[in-house]
Protein backbone atom coordinates (compact mmCIF):
# COMPACT_ATOMS: atom_id res chain seq x y z
CA MET A 1 29.37 35.09 -1.58
CA THR A 2 32.96 34.57 -2.44
CA GLY A 3 34.66 33.70 -5.68
CA SER A 4 32.96 33.67 -9.02
CA ALA A 5 29.66 32.26 -7.69
CA GLY A 6 28.60 35.76 -6.61
CA THR A 7 28.99 37.02 -10.16
CA LEU A 8 26.66 34.44 -11.69
CA PRO A 9 23.48 36.56 -11.38
CA THR A 10 25.29 39.50 -12.96
CA ARG A 11 26.57 37.35 -15.81
CA LEU A 12 23.11 35.90 -16.41
CA ALA A 13 21.57 39.37 -16.47
CA ALA A 14 24.28 40.63 -18.83
CA GLY A 15 23.74 37.66 -21.15
CA ALA A 16 19.99 38.29 -21.17
CA ALA A 17 20.60 42.00 -21.81
CA ALA A 18 22.89 41.15 -24.71
CA ALA A 19 20.27 38.85 -26.26
CA LEU A 20 17.53 41.46 -25.82
CA THR A 21 19.76 44.15 -27.31
CA VAL A 22 20.48 42.03 -30.39
CA ALA A 23 16.75 41.38 -30.76
CA ALA A 24 16.00 45.11 -30.41
CA GLY A 25 18.67 45.95 -32.99
CA LEU A 26 17.34 43.41 -35.47
CA GLY A 27 13.82 44.67 -34.82
CA ALA A 28 14.85 48.26 -35.41
CA ARG A 29 16.52 47.27 -38.68
CA SER A 30 13.49 45.36 -39.92
CA ALA A 31 10.73 47.67 -38.65
CA ALA A 32 12.27 51.05 -39.38
CA THR A 33 14.20 52.69 -42.17
CA GLY A 34 16.30 55.77 -42.61
CA ALA A 35 18.15 57.73 -39.97
CA TRP A 36 16.10 56.42 -37.06
CA ALA A 37 17.03 52.81 -37.77
CA THR A 38 20.67 53.72 -38.33
CA TYR A 39 21.05 55.76 -35.16
CA ALA A 40 19.06 53.32 -33.05
CA GLY A 41 21.39 50.62 -34.32
CA ASP A 42 24.44 52.72 -33.40
CA ALA A 43 23.22 53.29 -29.85
CA LEU A 44 22.20 49.65 -29.45
CA TYR A 45 25.62 48.55 -30.74
CA THR A 46 27.23 50.25 -27.77
CA VAL A 47 24.56 48.97 -25.36
CA LEU A 48 25.44 45.48 -26.60
CA VAL A 49 29.14 46.12 -26.01
CA VAL A 50 28.35 47.30 -22.44
CA ALA A 51 26.44 44.05 -21.83
CA LEU A 52 29.31 41.99 -23.25
CA VAL A 53 31.86 43.86 -21.11
CA VAL A 54 29.76 43.12 -18.01
CA LEU A 55 29.40 39.50 -19.09
CA VAL A 56 33.19 39.16 -19.24
CA ALA A 57 33.96 41.36 -16.21
CA PRO A 58 30.87 41.30 -13.97
CA ARG A 59 32.52 43.13 -11.06
CA LEU A 60 33.37 46.15 -13.21
CA ARG A 61 31.72 49.35 -12.07
CA PRO A 62 29.01 50.71 -14.40
CA VAL A 63 31.03 53.78 -15.39
CA ALA A 64 34.03 51.62 -16.30
CA ALA A 65 31.91 49.18 -18.33
CA ALA A 66 30.22 52.04 -20.20
CA GLY A 67 33.55 53.80 -20.74
CA ALA A 68 35.15 50.65 -22.14
CA ALA A 69 32.18 50.12 -24.46
CA LEU A 70 32.28 53.71 -25.67
CA ALA A 71 36.03 53.51 -26.28
CA PHE A 72 35.62 50.27 -28.23
CA SER A 73 32.73 51.63 -30.32
CA CYS A 74 34.63 54.83 -31.15
CA ALA A 75 37.75 52.83 -32.02
CA VAL A 76 35.73 50.70 -34.43
CA GLU A 77 34.25 53.84 -36.02
CA LEU A 78 37.70 55.41 -36.40
CA PHE A 79 39.03 52.13 -37.81
CA GLN A 80 36.58 52.63 -40.67
CA LEU A 81 38.73 55.57 -41.81
CA THR A 82 41.38 53.04 -42.87
CA GLY A 83 39.16 51.31 -45.40
CA VAL A 84 39.99 47.90 -43.94
CA PRO A 85 36.43 47.24 -42.68
CA ALA A 86 35.02 48.05 -46.13
CA GLY A 87 37.48 45.60 -47.68
CA LEU A 88 36.52 42.90 -45.17
CA ALA A 89 32.83 43.51 -45.87
CA ALA A 90 33.39 42.46 -49.47
CA HIS A 91 34.31 38.98 -48.22
CA SER A 92 32.10 38.54 -45.17
CA ARG A 93 28.49 39.08 -44.16
CA LEU A 94 29.47 39.39 -40.50
CA ALA A 95 32.22 42.01 -40.93
CA PRO A 96 29.92 44.93 -41.82
CA LEU A 97 27.68 44.13 -38.84
CA VAL A 98 30.57 44.18 -36.42
CA LEU A 99 32.93 46.71 -38.01
CA GLY A 100 30.70 48.82 -40.27
CA THR A 101 31.98 49.95 -43.63
CA SER A 102 32.41 53.73 -43.67
CA PHE A 103 33.11 56.47 -41.15
CA HIS A 104 30.18 58.66 -40.15
CA ALA A 105 30.94 61.27 -37.48
CA PRO A 106 27.40 61.47 -36.00
CA ASP A 107 27.72 57.80 -35.06
CA LEU A 108 30.11 58.87 -32.30
CA LEU A 109 27.30 60.82 -30.60
CA TRP A 110 24.97 57.84 -30.81
CA TYR A 111 27.64 55.59 -29.32
CA ALA A 112 27.83 58.00 -26.37
CA ILE A 113 24.04 57.82 -26.02
CA GLY A 114 24.22 54.03 -26.05
CA ALA A 115 27.00 54.03 -23.47
CA ALA A 116 24.92 56.33 -21.24
CA ALA A 117 21.93 54.04 -21.58
CA GLY A 118 24.06 50.98 -20.80
CA TRP A 119 25.56 52.77 -17.80
CA ALA A 120 22.11 53.73 -16.49
CA VAL A 121 20.75 50.18 -16.75
CA HIS A 122 23.86 48.61 -15.25
CA ALA A 123 23.92 51.12 -12.38
CA ALA A 124 20.20 50.61 -11.68
CA CYS A 125 20.66 46.84 -11.64
CA ARG A 126 23.60 47.15 -9.27
CA ARG A 127 21.63 49.41 -6.92
CA ALA A 128 18.68 47.01 -6.97
CA ARG A 129 20.92 44.05 -6.27
CA GLY A 130 22.55 45.95 -3.42
CA ARG A 131 19.16 46.69 -1.85
CA GLU A 132 18.14 43.09 -2.34
CA GLY A 133 21.31 41.87 -0.62
CA ARG A 134 20.80 44.22 2.32
CA GLY A 135 17.20 43.07 2.67
CA ARG A 136 18.24 39.44 3.09
CA ARG A 137 20.60 40.06 5.98
CA THR A 138 19.25 39.31 9.37
CA THR A 139 20.55 40.62 12.59
CA THR A 140 20.27 39.01 15.97
CA THR A 141 20.03 40.85 19.19
CA ALA A 142 20.94 39.57 22.58
CA VAL A 143 18.17 39.62 25.11
């Protein structure tokens, strides 16, 4: 396939992955408490960012998508050192969900775990799609 039509299945899968990740994050928040819920949320935050990166740039290699998501997640965490996200949280319900409110160094590890998980899923999907594409090709032989 040429053009953007070949990226449609990837975009659809990334959109579905993003929706499932949001559902998993909300489920973790409502079903669990304490450190587990917090760290699961941190990892899932980065998994969501991987899915959104792939949604926007479906041809991006898995390592690049995961690296971009990890860089973004770490930048958001470091931004919390400025106090700006905490100030925005006082005026918005969405701001603390997207930007957090306070810096917590262990979050950086969980972002890396989320990026690794996102990379693994994206890479597996790409490999499966590659096998699927090779299986559809037919060859003709001259007799």
